[in-house]
C-alpha atoms as a PDB file:
ATOM      1  CA  MET A   1     -47.943  25.605  -7.346  1.00  0.00           C
ATOM      2  CA  ALA A   2     -44.545  25.606  -9.086  1.00  0.00           C
ATOM      3  CA  ASN A   3     -41.294  25.743  -7.162  1.00  0.00           C
ATOM      4  CA  LEU A   4     -40.103  29.359  -7.395  1.00  0.00           C
ATOM      5  CA  VAL A   5     -36.649  28.704  -5.876  1.00  0.00           C
ATOM      6  CA  PRO A   6     -34.071  28.360  -8.605  1.00  0.00           C
ATOM      7  CA  ALA A   7     -32.352  24.997  -8.667  1.00  0.00           C
ATOM      8  CA  GLN A   8     -28.818  25.146  -7.334  1.00  0.00           C
ATOM      9  CA  PRO A   9     -26.169  23.059  -8.979  1.00  0.00           C
ATOM     10  CA  ASP A  10     -24.659  20.261  -6.965  1.00  0.00           C
ATOM     11  CA  VAL A  11     -21.683  21.519  -4.952  1.00  0.00           C
ATOM     12  CA  LEU A  12     -19.400  18.784  -6.300  1.00  0.00           C
ATOM     13  CA  GLU A  13     -20.443  19.521  -9.863  1.00  0.00           C
ATOM     14  CA  SER A  14     -19.561  23.217  -9.475  1.00  0.00           C
ATOM     15  CA  GLN A  15     -16.026  22.392  -8.290  1.00  0.00           C
ATOM     16  CA  PRO A  16     -13.474  21.335 -10.886  1.00  0.00           C
ATOM     17  CA  THR A  17     -12.675  17.696 -10.402  1.00  0.00           C
ATOM     18  CA  TRP A  18      -9.107  16.882  -9.484  1.00  0.00           C
ATOM     19  CA  ARG A  19      -9.210  14.089 -12.065  1.00  0.00           C
ATOM     20  CA  ALA A  20      -9.725  16.751 -14.718  1.00  0.00           C
ATOM     21  CA  THR A  21      -6.684  18.721 -13.549  1.00  0.00           C
ATOM     22  CA  MET A  22      -4.434  15.764 -12.647  1.00  0.00           C
ATOM     23  CA  LYS A  23      -2.938  14.043 -15.651  1.00  0.00           C
ATOM     24  CA  SER A  24      -3.135  10.284 -15.935  1.00  0.00           C
ATOM     25  CA  ASP A  25       0.701  10.230 -16.008  1.00  0.00           C
ATOM     26  CA  ASP A  26       0.739  11.913 -12.590  1.00  0.00           C
ATOM     27  CA  ILE A  27      -1.777   9.424 -11.247  1.00  0.00           C
ATOM     28  CA  ASN A  28       0.359   6.585 -12.557  1.00  0.00           C
ATOM     29  CA  VAL A  29       3.425   8.051 -10.807  1.00  0.00           C
ATOM     30  CA  TYR A  30       1.552   8.230  -7.484  1.00  0.00           C
ATOM     31  CA  LYS A  31       0.188   4.714  -7.968  1.00  0.00           C
ATOM     32  CA  GLU A  32       3.696   3.397  -8.550  1.00  0.00           C
ATOM     33  CA  ARG A  33       4.976   5.174  -5.443  1.00  0.00           C
ATOM     34  CA  LEU A  34       2.148   3.727  -3.402  1.00  0.00           C
ATOM     35  CA  LEU A  35       2.793   0.217  -4.727  1.00  0.00           C
ATOM     36  CA  VAL A  36       6.514   0.509  -3.866  1.00  0.00           C
ATOM     37  CA  MET A  37       5.658   1.823  -0.380  1.00  0.00           C
ATOM     38  CA  ARG A  38       3.162  -0.997   0.155  1.00  0.00           C
ATOM     39  CA  SER A  39       5.686  -3.633  -0.869  1.00  0.00           C
ATOM     40  CA  ARG A  40       8.415  -2.196   1.363  1.00  0.00           C
ATOM     41  CA  LEU A  41       6.055  -1.872   4.321  1.00  0.00           C
ATOM     42  CA  ARG A  42       4.766  -5.407   3.937  1.00  0.00           C
ATOM     43  CA  ASP A  43       8.366  -6.677   4.079  1.00  0.00           C
ATOM     44  CA  ASP A  44       9.059  -4.502   7.134  1.00  0.00           C
ATOM     45  CA  VAL A  45       5.903  -5.653   8.877  1.00  0.00           C
ATOM     46  CA  THR A  46       6.752  -9.293   8.253  1.00  0.00           C
ATOM     47  CA  SER A  47      10.307  -8.945   9.588  1.00  0.00           C
ATOM     48  CA  MET A  48       9.120  -6.913  12.629  1.00  0.00           C
ATOM     49  CA  ALA A  49       6.463  -9.510  13.408  1.00  0.00           C
ATOM     50  CA  ASP A  50       9.063 -12.267  13.177  1.00  0.00           C
ATOM     51  CA  ALA A  51      11.404 -10.329  15.477  1.00  0.00           C
ATOM     52  CA  ALA A  52       8.658  -9.506  17.993  1.00  0.00           C
ATOM     53  CA  LEU A  53       7.417 -13.059  18.103  1.00  0.00           C
ATOM     54  CA  GLY A  54      10.926 -14.510  18.202  1.00  0.00           C
ATOM     55  CA  THR A  55      10.453 -16.652  15.114  1.00  0.00           C
ATOM     56  CA  GLU A  56      13.524 -15.569  13.230  1.00  0.00           C
ATOM     57  CA  GLY A  57      16.616 -17.546  13.988  1.00  0.00           C
ATOM     58  CA  ALA A  58      14.851 -19.644  16.632  1.00  0.00           C
ATOM     59  CA  GLU A  59      18.087 -20.094  18.618  1.00  0.00           C
ATOM     60  CA  SER A  60      17.827 -22.028  21.839  1.00  0.00           C
ATOM     61  CA  SER A  61      20.294 -19.688  23.565  1.00  0.00           C
ATOM     62  CA  THR A  62      18.076 -16.604  23.254  1.00  0.00           C
ATOM     63  CA  MET A  63      16.557 -17.136  26.672  1.00  0.00           C
ATOM     64  CA  PRO A  64      17.727 -14.291  28.950  1.00  0.00           C
ATOM     65  CA  ILE A  65      19.710 -15.397  31.978  1.00  0.00           C
ATOM     66  CA  HIS A  66      19.499 -12.206  34.069  1.00  0.00           C
ATOM     67  CA  MET A  67      16.341 -10.327  35.088  1.00  0.00           C
ATOM     68  CA  ALA A  68      17.703  -7.095  33.522  1.00  0.00           C
ATOM     69  CA  GLU A  69      18.005  -8.907  30.190  1.00  0.00           C
ATOM     70  CA  LEU A  70      14.450 -10.096  30.523  1.00  0.00           C
ATOM     71  CA  GLY A  71      13.280  -6.491  31.084  1.00  0.00           C
ATOM     72  CA  SER A  72      15.242  -5.272  28.056  1.00  0.00           C
ATOM     73  CA  ASP A  73      13.824  -8.058  25.910  1.00  0.00           C
ATOM     74  CA  ASN A  74      10.268  -7.212  27.026  1.00  0.00           C
ATOM     75  CA  PHE A  75      10.798  -3.504  26.329  1.00  0.00           C
ATOM     76  CA  GLU A  76      12.220  -4.278  22.888  1.00  0.00           C
ATOM     77  CA  GLN A  77       9.292  -6.577  22.094  1.00  0.00           C
ATOM     78  CA  GLU A  78       6.725  -3.969  23.170  1.00  0.00           C
ATOM     79  CA  PHE A  79       8.504  -1.282  21.158  1.00  0.00           C
ATOM     80  CA  THR A  80       8.555  -3.503  18.092  1.00  0.00           C
ATOM     81  CA  LEU A  81       4.865  -4.303  18.478  1.00  0.00           C
ATOM     82  CA  SER A  82       4.089  -0.566  18.732  1.00  0.00           C
ATOM     83  CA  LEU A  83       6.052   0.065  15.523  1.00  0.00           C
ATOM     84  CA  LEU A  84       4.242  -2.842  13.914  1.00  0.00           C
ATOM     85  CA  ALA A  85       0.851  -1.314  14.721  1.00  0.00           C
ATOM     86  CA  THR A  86       1.917   2.019  13.234  1.00  0.00           C
ATOM     87  CA  GLU A  87       3.166   0.365  10.060  1.00  0.00           C
ATOM     88  CA  GLU A  88      -0.080  -1.604   9.737  1.00  0.00           C
ATOM     89  CA  ASP A  89      -2.011   1.677  10.015  1.00  0.00           C
ATOM     90  CA  ASN A  90       0.173   3.111   7.225  1.00  0.00           C
ATOM     91  CA  LEU A  91      -0.498   0.025   5.114  1.00  0.00           C
ATOM     92  CA  GLY A  92      -4.225   0.636   5.562  1.00  0.00           C
ATOM     93  CA  LEU A  93      -3.817   4.246   4.409  1.00  0.00           C
ATOM     94  CA  ILE A  94      -1.898   3.091   1.344  1.00  0.00           C
ATOM     95  CA  GLU A  95      -4.559   0.511   0.499  1.00  0.00           C
ATOM     96  CA  ARG A  96      -7.253   3.175   0.763  1.00  0.00           C
ATOM     97  CA  ALA A  97      -5.259   5.516  -1.476  1.00  0.00           C
ATOM     98  CA  LEU A  98      -4.925   2.765  -4.089  1.00  0.00           C
ATOM     99  CA  GLU A  99      -8.687   2.243  -3.916  1.00  0.00           C
ATOM    100  CA  ARG A 100      -9.242   5.967  -4.425  1.00  0.00           C
ATOM    101  CA  ILE A 101      -7.037   5.819  -7.528  1.00  0.00           C
ATOM    102  CA  GLU A 102      -9.223   3.027  -8.930  1.00  0.00           C
ATOM    103  CA  THR A 103     -12.451   4.919  -8.203  1.00  0.00           C
ATOM    104  CA  GLY A 104     -11.155   8.246  -9.500  1.00  0.00           C
ATOM    105  CA  ALA A 105     -11.274   9.922  -6.092  1.00  0.00           C
ATOM    106  CA  TYR A 106      -7.491  10.072  -5.556  1.00  0.00           C
ATOM    107  CA  GLY A 107      -6.222  13.528  -4.737  1.00  0.00           C
ATOM    108  CA  ILE A 108      -9.619  14.725  -3.534  1.00  0.00           C
ATOM    109  CA  CYS A 109      -9.980  15.604   0.147  1.00  0.00           C
ATOM    110  CA  GLU A 110     -12.315  13.249   1.951  1.00  0.00           C
ATOM    111  CA  GLU A 111     -13.560  16.107   4.162  1.00  0.00           C
ATOM    112  CA  CYS A 112     -14.106  19.120   1.899  1.00  0.00           C
ATOM    113  CA  SER A 113     -13.939  17.462  -1.549  1.00  0.00           C
ATOM    114  CA  GLY A 114     -11.327  19.987  -2.602  1.00  0.00           C
ATOM    115  CA  PRO A 115      -8.092  19.057  -4.342  1.00  0.00           C
ATOM    116  CA  ILE A 116      -5.121  17.856  -2.302  1.00  0.00           C
ATOM    117  CA  PRO A 117      -2.070  19.822  -3.553  1.00  0.00           C
ATOM    118  CA  LYS A 118       0.593  17.887  -5.390  1.00  0.00           C
ATOM    119  CA  THR A 119       3.187  19.061  -2.880  1.00  0.00           C
ATOM    120  CA  ARG A 120       1.239  17.238  -0.143  1.00  0.00           C
ATOM    121  CA  LEU A 121       0.796  14.141  -2.288  1.00  0.00           C
ATOM    122  CA  ASN A 122       4.530  14.174  -3.082  1.00  0.00           C
ATOM    123  CA  ALA A 123       5.280  14.139   0.654  1.00  0.00           C
ATOM    124  CA  LEU A 124       2.429  11.756   1.630  1.00  0.00           C
ATOM    125  CA  PRO A 125       1.070   9.920  -1.408  1.00  0.00           C
ATOM    126  CA  HIS A 126      -1.499   8.221   0.831  1.00  0.00           C
ATOM    127  CA  ALA A 127      -2.871  11.471   2.283  1.00  0.00           C
ATOM    128  CA  PRO A 128      -6.696  11.372   2.379  1.00  0.00           C
ATOM    129  CA  LEU A 129      -7.081  15.017   3.463  1.00  0.00           C
ATOM    130  CA  CYS A 130      -5.910  18.432   2.306  1.00  0.00           C
ATOM    131  CA  VAL A 131      -3.625  20.350   4.647  1.00  0.00           C
ATOM    132  CA  LYS A 132      -6.425  22.547   5.999  1.00  0.00           C
ATOM    133  CA  CYS A 133      -8.711  19.608   6.873  1.00  0.00           C
ATOM    134  CA  ALA A 134      -5.835  17.567   8.309  1.00  0.00           C
ATOM    135  CA  SER A 135      -4.860  20.542  10.520  1.00  0.00           C
ATOM    136  CA  THR A 136      -8.459  20.938  11.704  1.00  0.00           C
ATOM    137  CA  ARG A 137      -8.662  17.260  12.573  1.00  0.00           C
ATOM    138  CA  GLU A 138      -5.351  17.389  14.377  1.00  0.00           C
ATOM    139  CA  ALA A 139      -6.419  20.443  16.370  1.00  0.00           C
ATOM    140  CA  LYS A 140      -9.557  18.569  17.418  1.00  0.00           C
ATOM    141  CA  GLY A 141      -7.435  15.615  18.467  1.00  0.00           C
ATOM    142  CA  LEU A 142      -8.759  13.290  15.801  1.00  0.00           C
ATOM    143  CA  ALA A 143      -6.623  10.880  13.776  1.00  0.00           C
ATOM    144  CA  GLY A 144      -6.221  11.149  10.040  1.00  0.00           C
END
């Protein structure tokens, strides 16, 4: 017996692709922004890691003499390591965005497959989600 249910087009095929609406010049602009951000963050991460691990300067007189100084130094090191983890997370987001540019998926929400508005990409060029999906995730307490 023949299938009497009409075939439905694929959901992704029925939506206009962001690639079709986003010009290659725009994509190149976002790629350049991401590359600059990546370069700057890599430099920041390197200098923060050096500072946290005490490898820059390597002065012998950096040993704290008073217990209060030791506490301040420990707090500063923990704070720097926390910043370092955040910056490494941002580097990961930038790398994923660059991969999406190469695969043609840049500017497409990873949740709903809808377009991410240019205003959001201008503010966060590495954004993987549209505002609606990002808000939903944040409300649920999820990262991303």
